[in-house]
Amino acid sequence: MSVGDVIERTSMASILLQPRDLDMLASLGTARMLTAVYLEWLHFPQWRSHYRRSLEQGQQATYQVRPHLYERLAGLRERGLIARIDRASLVLQSQSVPAAFALTSQGVTLLSDQREIVKTALWAVPSRSTLLQQTEHMLLIGRC
């Protein structure tokens, strides 16, 4: 089954599944959880020029992920391939903490079929809620 076949069967959302989407699913299956920033740094090489440009313009506040990645992630969520994990905000610093993304069991099945990866080699978000400390620990692993 090719990516084109998957597009035919799952074209209910606003995006078409692309090989890079499968790459992002594979990263999520391996790293367990990643934020949009980590996904952009791994799978969109143009982030470097975007980052350099923002530094040159003196915008050193925070790195901003480009909107097209959020559109891709929303499309993957619509298909049930990934889950968004909202994290607690840092009350003392009064800044929001970016959401994390993880593979769902449906995403594991699709990725296993498309990339011939053994399902047990991929991690999917558990159906029960995870403790905050476990979520943050998994994100630190993903960052490395």
N, C-alpha and C. Protein backbone atom coordinates (compact mmCIF):
# COMPACT_ATOMS: atom_id res chain seq x y z
N MET A 1 0.85 -1.17 0.00
CA MET A 1 0.00 0.00 0.00
C MET A 1 0.90 1.24 0.00
N SER A 2 0.63 2.17 -0.87
CA SER A 2 1.46 3.37 -0.98
C SER A 2 0.79 4.55 -0.28
N VAL A 3 1.54 5.64 -0.14
CA VAL A 3 0.98 6.85 0.45
C VAL A 3 -0.21 7.32 -0.37
N GLY A 4 -0.14 7.18 -1.69
CA GLY A 4 -1.26 7.57 -2.55
C GLY A 4 -2.53 6.80 -2.23
N ASP A 5 -2.38 5.50 -1.93
CA ASP A 5 -3.54 4.70 -1.55
C ASP A 5 -4.14 5.19 -0.24
N VAL A 6 -3.27 5.56 0.69
CA VAL A 6 -3.74 6.07 1.98
C VAL A 6 -4.46 7.39 1.78
N ILE A 7 -3.94 8.23 0.88
CA ILE A 7 -4.59 9.51 0.59
C ILE A 7 -6.00 9.26 0.07
N GLU A 8 -6.14 8.29 -0.82
CA GLU A 8 -7.46 7.97 -1.37
C GLU A 8 -8.43 7.59 -0.26
N ARG A 9 -7.97 6.76 0.66
CA ARG A 9 -8.86 6.24 1.69
C ARG A 9 -9.11 7.22 2.83
N THR A 10 -8.18 8.15 3.09
CA THR A 10 -8.31 9.00 4.27
C THR A 10 -8.40 10.48 3.93
N SER A 11 -8.81 10.81 2.73
CA SER A 11 -8.81 12.22 2.35
C SER A 11 -10.02 12.97 2.89
N MET A 12 -10.44 12.67 4.12
CA MET A 12 -11.57 13.35 4.73
C MET A 12 -11.17 14.68 5.34
N ALA A 13 -9.93 14.86 5.68
CA ALA A 13 -9.48 16.09 6.33
C ALA A 13 -8.99 17.08 5.29
N SER A 14 -8.60 18.25 5.77
CA SER A 14 -8.21 19.33 4.88
C SER A 14 -6.81 19.17 4.31
N ILE A 15 -6.03 18.20 4.76
CA ILE A 15 -4.69 17.99 4.21
C ILE A 15 -4.61 16.61 3.57
N LEU A 16 -3.68 16.47 2.66
CA LEU A 16 -3.39 15.17 2.06
C LEU A 16 -2.15 14.61 2.74
N LEU A 17 -2.19 13.35 3.07
CA LEU A 17 -1.08 12.72 3.74
C LEU A 17 0.13 12.66 2.82
N GLN A 18 1.27 13.14 3.31
CA GLN A 18 2.50 13.20 2.53
C GLN A 18 3.59 12.37 3.21
N PRO A 19 4.64 12.01 2.48
CA PRO A 19 5.74 11.24 3.09
C PRO A 19 6.31 11.94 4.34
N ARG A 20 6.38 13.26 4.34
CA ARG A 20 6.90 13.97 5.51
C ARG A 20 6.00 13.74 6.72
N ASP A 21 4.68 13.61 6.49
CA ASP A 21 3.76 13.31 7.60
C ASP A 21 4.10 11.96 8.21
N LEU A 22 4.40 10.99 7.36
CA LEU A 22 4.81 9.67 7.86
C LEU A 22 6.13 9.76 8.62
N ASP A 23 7.03 10.62 8.16
CA ASP A 23 8.29 10.84 8.87
C ASP A 23 8.02 11.41 10.27
N MET A 24 7.08 12.37 10.35
CA MET A 24 6.73 12.96 11.65
C MET A 24 6.09 11.91 12.55
N LEU A 25 5.23 11.07 11.98
CA LEU A 25 4.61 10.00 12.77
C LEU A 25 5.68 9.05 13.30
N ALA A 26 6.67 8.74 12.46
CA ALA A 26 7.76 7.86 12.89
C ALA A 26 8.55 8.49 14.03
N SER A 27 8.81 9.79 13.95
CA SER A 27 9.52 10.48 15.03
C SER A 27 8.72 10.43 16.32
N LEU A 28 7.42 10.64 16.21
CA LEU A 28 6.56 10.58 17.40
C LEU A 28 6.53 9.16 17.98
N GLY A 29 6.50 8.17 17.12
CA GLY A 29 6.49 6.78 17.59
C GLY A 29 7.77 6.39 18.28
N THR A 30 8.87 7.02 17.89
CA THR A 30 10.17 6.73 18.48
C THR A 30 10.42 7.56 19.74
N ALA A 31 10.17 8.87 19.65
CA ALA A 31 10.47 9.77 20.76
C ALA A 31 9.36 9.83 21.80
N ARG A 32 8.22 9.25 21.49
CA ARG A 32 7.03 9.21 22.34
C ARG A 32 6.23 10.50 22.28
N MET A 33 6.83 11.63 22.58
CA MET A 33 6.13 12.92 22.52
C MET A 33 7.09 13.98 22.02
N LEU A 34 6.58 14.87 21.20
CA LEU A 34 7.37 15.99 20.71
C LEU A 34 6.47 17.22 20.62
N THR A 35 7.06 18.38 20.79
CA THR A 35 6.32 19.63 20.59
C THR A 35 6.42 20.01 19.11
N ALA A 36 5.65 21.00 18.72
CA ALA A 36 5.68 21.48 17.33
C ALA A 36 7.08 21.99 16.97
N VAL A 37 7.75 22.65 17.91
CA VAL A 37 9.11 23.16 17.66
C VAL A 37 10.04 22.00 17.31
N TYR A 38 9.99 20.93 18.09
CA TYR A 38 10.87 19.78 17.83
C TYR A 38 10.55 19.15 16.48
N LEU A 39 9.26 19.03 16.17
CA LEU A 39 8.87 18.46 14.88
C LEU A 39 9.35 19.34 13.73
N GLU A 40 9.24 20.65 13.89
CA GLU A 40 9.72 21.55 12.83
C GLU A 40 11.23 21.42 12.67
N TRP A 41 11.96 21.38 13.75
CA TRP A 41 13.41 21.27 13.67
C TRP A 41 13.84 19.96 13.04
N LEU A 42 13.08 18.90 13.26
CA LEU A 42 13.44 17.60 12.69
C LEU A 42 13.05 17.45 11.22
N HIS A 43 11.92 18.03 10.82
CA HIS A 43 11.35 17.68 9.52
C HIS A 43 11.17 18.84 8.54
N PHE A 44 11.48 20.05 8.94
CA PHE A 44 11.36 21.20 8.05
C PHE A 44 12.68 21.95 8.08
N PRO A 45 13.61 21.60 7.17
CA PRO A 45 14.95 22.17 7.22
C PRO A 45 14.99 23.70 7.08
N GLN A 46 13.94 24.29 6.55
CA GLN A 46 13.93 25.75 6.40
C GLN A 46 13.79 26.48 7.74
N TRP A 47 13.63 25.75 8.85
CA TRP A 47 13.53 26.42 10.14
C TRP A 47 14.81 27.19 10.44
N ARG A 48 15.95 26.70 9.95
CA ARG A 48 17.22 27.37 10.23
C ARG A 48 17.25 28.79 9.67
N SER A 49 16.84 28.96 8.42
CA SER A 49 16.83 30.30 7.83
C SER A 49 15.78 31.18 8.51
N HIS A 50 14.65 30.59 8.87
CA HIS A 50 13.60 31.32 9.59
C HIS A 50 14.14 31.81 10.94
N TYR A 51 14.87 30.95 11.64
CA TYR A 51 15.44 31.29 12.95
C TYR A 51 16.51 32.37 12.81
N ARG A 52 17.40 32.21 11.83
CA ARG A 52 18.45 33.22 11.61
C ARG A 52 17.86 34.58 11.28
N ARG A 53 16.85 34.59 10.43
CA ARG A 53 16.19 35.84 10.05
C ARG A 53 15.58 36.53 11.27
N SER A 54 14.94 35.77 12.14
CA SER A 54 14.34 36.38 13.32
C SER A 54 15.41 36.92 14.26
N LEU A 55 16.56 36.26 14.35
CA LEU A 55 17.65 36.78 15.18
C LEU A 55 18.23 38.07 14.60
N GLU A 56 18.39 38.10 13.29
CA GLU A 56 18.92 39.29 12.63
C GLU A 56 18.00 40.49 12.80
N GLN A 57 16.71 40.23 12.87
CA GLN A 57 15.73 41.31 13.03
C GLN A 57 15.55 41.70 14.49
N GLY A 58 16.31 41.05 15.36
CA GLY A 58 16.25 41.39 16.78
C GLY A 58 15.06 40.81 17.51
N GLN A 59 14.43 39.82 16.96
CA GLN A 59 13.28 39.19 17.62
C GLN A 59 13.76 38.00 18.42
N GLN A 60 14.43 38.27 19.52
CA GLN A 60 15.04 37.20 20.30
C GLN A 60 14.11 36.65 21.38
N ALA A 61 12.87 37.08 21.42
CA ALA A 61 11.95 36.66 22.48
C ALA A 61 11.78 35.15 22.49
N THR A 62 11.02 34.64 21.57
CA THR A 62 10.81 33.19 21.50
C THR A 62 10.72 32.77 20.04
N TYR A 63 11.11 31.56 19.80
CA TYR A 63 11.03 31.01 18.45
C TYR A 63 9.57 30.71 18.14
N GLN A 64 9.08 31.15 17.01
CA GLN A 64 7.69 30.93 16.60
C GLN A 64 7.63 29.91 15.46
N VAL A 65 6.91 28.85 15.70
CA VAL A 65 6.70 27.83 14.66
C VAL A 65 5.81 28.43 13.59
N ARG A 66 6.12 28.13 12.34
CA ARG A 66 5.30 28.66 11.25
C ARG A 66 3.92 27.99 11.23
N PRO A 67 2.91 28.74 10.84
CA PRO A 67 1.52 28.24 10.90
C PRO A 67 1.25 26.97 10.08
N HIS A 68 1.99 26.77 8.99
CA HIS A 68 1.70 25.60 8.16
C HIS A 68 1.91 24.29 8.91
N LEU A 69 2.84 24.27 9.86
CA LEU A 69 3.04 23.05 10.64
C LEU A 69 1.83 22.77 11.52
N TYR A 70 1.28 23.81 12.12
CA TYR A 70 0.08 23.61 12.94
C TYR A 70 -1.09 23.11 12.10
N GLU A 71 -1.15 23.55 10.84
CA GLU A 71 -2.20 23.05 9.94
C GLU A 71 -1.99 21.56 9.67
N ARG A 72 -0.75 21.14 9.46
CA ARG A 72 -0.46 19.73 9.24
C ARG A 72 -0.83 18.91 10.48
N LEU A 73 -0.44 19.41 11.65
CA LEU A 73 -0.73 18.70 12.88
C LEU A 73 -2.24 18.61 13.12
N ALA A 74 -2.96 19.68 12.81
CA ALA A 74 -4.42 19.65 12.95
C ALA A 74 -5.02 18.61 12.02
N GLY A 75 -4.52 18.50 10.82
CA GLY A 75 -5.00 17.49 9.88
C GLY A 75 -4.72 16.08 10.36
N LEU A 76 -3.55 15.87 10.93
CA LEU A 76 -3.21 14.55 11.47
C LEU A 76 -4.09 14.22 12.68
N ARG A 77 -4.42 15.24 13.46
CA ARG A 77 -5.34 15.04 14.60
C ARG A 77 -6.74 14.71 14.11
N GLU A 78 -7.20 15.41 13.06
CA GLU A 78 -8.53 15.14 12.50
C GLU A 78 -8.66 13.69 12.06
N ARG A 79 -7.60 13.14 11.55
CA ARG A 79 -7.61 11.75 11.09
C ARG A 79 -7.45 10.75 12.23
N GLY A 80 -7.16 11.26 13.43
CA GLY A 80 -6.99 10.37 14.57
C GLY A 80 -5.63 9.71 14.64
N LEU A 81 -4.65 10.27 13.91
CA LEU A 81 -3.31 9.67 13.88
C LEU A 81 -2.42 10.14 15.02
N ILE A 82 -2.68 11.34 15.51
CA ILE A 82 -1.91 11.87 16.64
C ILE A 82 -2.87 12.46 17.66
N ALA A 83 -2.37 12.61 18.87
CA ALA A 83 -3.13 13.24 19.95
C ALA A 83 -2.35 14.45 20.43
N ARG A 84 -3.09 15.48 20.81
CA ARG A 84 -2.48 16.68 21.39
C ARG A 84 -2.55 16.54 22.90
N ILE A 85 -1.44 16.80 23.55
CA ILE A 85 -1.36 16.70 25.00
C ILE A 85 -1.08 18.09 25.54
N ASP A 86 -2.10 18.69 26.13
CA ASP A 86 -1.93 20.03 26.70
C ASP A 86 -1.18 19.91 28.01
N ARG A 87 -0.26 20.82 28.20
CA ARG A 87 0.58 20.81 29.39
C ARG A 87 0.21 21.98 30.29
N ALA A 88 0.54 21.85 31.56
CA ALA A 88 0.25 22.91 32.52
C ALA A 88 1.10 24.14 32.20
N SER A 89 0.52 25.31 32.37
CA SER A 89 1.29 26.53 32.12
C SER A 89 2.14 26.86 33.34
N LEU A 90 3.21 27.57 33.09
CA LEU A 90 4.09 27.98 34.17
C LEU A 90 3.50 29.20 34.85
N VAL A 91 2.83 28.99 35.95
CA VAL A 91 2.10 30.07 36.62
C VAL A 91 3.05 31.15 37.09
N LEU A 92 4.18 30.77 37.65
CA LEU A 92 5.11 31.75 38.18
C LEU A 92 5.70 32.64 37.09
N GLN A 93 5.94 32.08 35.92
CA GLN A 93 6.52 32.86 34.83
C GLN A 93 5.46 33.43 33.92
N SER A 94 4.22 33.10 34.17
CA SER A 94 3.05 33.56 33.41
C SER A 94 3.26 33.47 31.89
N GLN A 95 3.73 32.34 31.44
CA GLN A 95 3.85 32.09 30.01
C GLN A 95 3.29 30.71 29.71
N SER A 96 2.75 30.57 28.54
CA SER A 96 2.16 29.29 28.20
C SER A 96 3.24 28.29 27.81
N VAL A 97 2.93 27.04 28.00
CA VAL A 97 3.84 25.95 27.68
C VAL A 97 3.28 25.27 26.44
N PRO A 98 4.10 25.03 25.43
CA PRO A 98 3.57 24.44 24.19
C PRO A 98 3.03 23.03 24.41
N ALA A 99 2.00 22.72 23.67
CA ALA A 99 1.41 21.38 23.72
C ALA A 99 2.38 20.37 23.13
N ALA A 100 2.22 19.15 23.55
CA ALA A 100 3.00 18.04 23.00
C ALA A 100 2.09 17.22 22.09
N PHE A 101 2.70 16.46 21.21
CA PHE A 101 1.95 15.59 20.31
C PHE A 101 2.50 14.18 20.44
N ALA A 102 1.60 13.22 20.34
CA ALA A 102 1.98 11.81 20.45
C ALA A 102 1.17 11.00 19.44
N LEU A 103 1.71 9.88 19.10
CA LEU A 103 1.06 8.96 18.16
C LEU A 103 -0.11 8.25 18.85
N THR A 104 -1.19 8.04 18.14
CA THR A 104 -2.32 7.26 18.65
C THR A 104 -2.19 5.82 18.14
N SER A 105 -3.04 4.94 18.64
CA SER A 105 -2.99 3.55 18.16
C SER A 105 -3.33 3.48 16.67
N GLN A 106 -4.21 4.36 16.20
CA GLN A 106 -4.53 4.41 14.77
C GLN A 106 -3.31 4.88 13.98
N GLY A 107 -2.55 5.82 14.53
CA GLY A 107 -1.32 6.26 13.89
C GLY A 107 -0.28 5.16 13.84
N VAL A 108 -0.20 4.37 14.91
CA VAL A 108 0.72 3.23 14.95
C VAL A 108 0.38 2.24 13.84
N THR A 109 -0.90 1.95 13.69
CA THR A 109 -1.34 1.00 12.66
C THR A 109 -1.00 1.51 11.26
N LEU A 110 -1.31 2.77 10.99
CA LEU A 110 -1.00 3.35 9.67
C LEU A 110 0.50 3.33 9.40
N LEU A 111 1.29 3.77 10.37
CA LEU A 111 2.74 3.83 10.19
C LEU A 111 3.32 2.43 10.02
N SER A 112 2.83 1.50 10.77
CA SER A 112 3.29 0.11 10.66
C SER A 112 3.01 -0.44 9.26
N ASP A 113 1.84 -0.15 8.74
CA ASP A 113 1.48 -0.60 7.40
C ASP A 113 2.31 0.09 6.32
N GLN A 114 2.52 1.38 6.46
CA GLN A 114 3.21 2.17 5.45
C GLN A 114 4.72 1.96 5.44
N ARG A 115 5.31 1.83 6.60
CA ARG A 115 6.77 1.76 6.70
C ARG A 115 7.28 0.38 7.10
N GLU A 116 6.38 -0.57 7.21
CA GLU A 116 6.75 -1.93 7.61
C GLU A 116 7.56 -1.93 8.91
N ILE A 117 7.05 -1.19 9.87
CA ILE A 117 7.66 -1.13 11.20
C ILE A 117 6.80 -2.00 12.12
N VAL A 118 7.44 -2.78 12.94
CA VAL A 118 6.71 -3.62 13.89
C VAL A 118 5.98 -2.71 14.87
N LYS A 119 4.71 -2.97 15.07
CA LYS A 119 3.90 -2.11 15.94
C LYS A 119 4.46 -1.98 17.34
N THR A 120 5.04 -3.05 17.85
CA THR A 120 5.57 -3.00 19.22
C THR A 120 6.80 -2.09 19.34
N ALA A 121 7.39 -1.71 18.22
CA ALA A 121 8.54 -0.80 18.24
C ALA A 121 8.11 0.65 18.34
N LEU A 122 6.82 0.91 18.21
CA LEU A 122 6.29 2.27 18.24
C LEU A 122 5.52 2.50 19.53
N TRP A 123 5.61 3.72 20.04
CA TRP A 123 4.90 4.07 21.27
C TRP A 123 3.67 4.89 20.91
N ALA A 124 2.55 4.56 21.53
CA ALA A 124 1.31 5.32 21.34
C ALA A 124 0.87 5.87 22.68
N VAL A 125 0.20 7.01 22.63
CA VAL A 125 -0.29 7.64 23.86
C VAL A 125 -1.27 6.67 24.54
N PRO A 126 -1.10 6.44 25.83
CA PRO A 126 -2.01 5.52 26.52
C PRO A 126 -3.41 6.12 26.63
N SER A 127 -4.38 5.27 26.73
CA SER A 127 -5.76 5.75 26.82
C SER A 127 -6.02 6.46 28.15
N ARG A 128 -5.31 6.08 29.19
CA ARG A 128 -5.48 6.78 30.47
C ARG A 128 -4.54 7.98 30.51
N SER A 129 -4.85 8.92 31.36
CA SER A 129 -4.02 10.11 31.43
C SER A 129 -2.67 9.78 32.06
N THR A 130 -1.67 10.48 31.63
CA THR A 130 -0.32 10.28 32.15
C THR A 130 -0.03 11.36 33.19
N LEU A 131 0.79 11.04 34.12
CA LEU A 131 1.18 12.03 35.12
C LEU A 131 1.98 13.14 34.46
N LEU A 132 1.85 14.33 35.00
CA LEU A 132 2.56 15.49 34.46
C LEU A 132 4.06 15.26 34.40
N GLN A 133 4.63 14.66 35.46
CA GLN A 133 6.07 14.42 35.49
C GLN A 133 6.49 13.46 34.38
N GLN A 134 5.68 12.44 34.10
CA GLN A 134 6.01 11.51 33.03
C GLN A 134 5.98 12.21 31.68
N THR A 135 4.99 13.07 31.47
CA THR A 135 4.90 13.81 30.21
C THR A 135 6.13 14.68 30.02
N GLU A 136 6.49 15.43 31.03
CA GLU A 136 7.67 16.31 30.92
C GLU A 136 8.94 15.50 30.71
N HIS A 137 9.06 14.36 31.36
CA HIS A 137 10.23 13.50 31.19
C HIS A 137 10.31 12.98 29.75
N MET A 138 9.18 12.55 29.20
CA MET A 138 9.17 12.05 27.81
C MET A 138 9.53 13.16 26.84
N LEU A 139 9.09 14.38 27.11
CA LEU A 139 9.44 15.49 26.23
C LEU A 139 10.93 15.82 26.30
N LEU A 140 11.51 15.70 27.47
CA LEU A 140 12.96 15.91 27.58
C LEU A 140 13.72 14.85 26.80
N ILE A 141 13.24 13.61 26.83
CA ILE A 141 13.85 12.55 26.03
C ILE A 141 13.75 12.90 24.56
N GLY A 142 12.57 13.36 24.12
CA GLY A 142 12.37 13.75 22.73
C GLY A 142 13.27 14.89 22.32
N ARG A 143 13.50 15.82 23.24
CA ARG A 143 14.37 16.97 22.94
C ARG A 143 15.80 16.53 22.66
N CYS A 144 16.25 15.53 23.42
CA CYS A 144 17.61 15.02 23.21
C CYS A 144 17.73 14.35 21.86
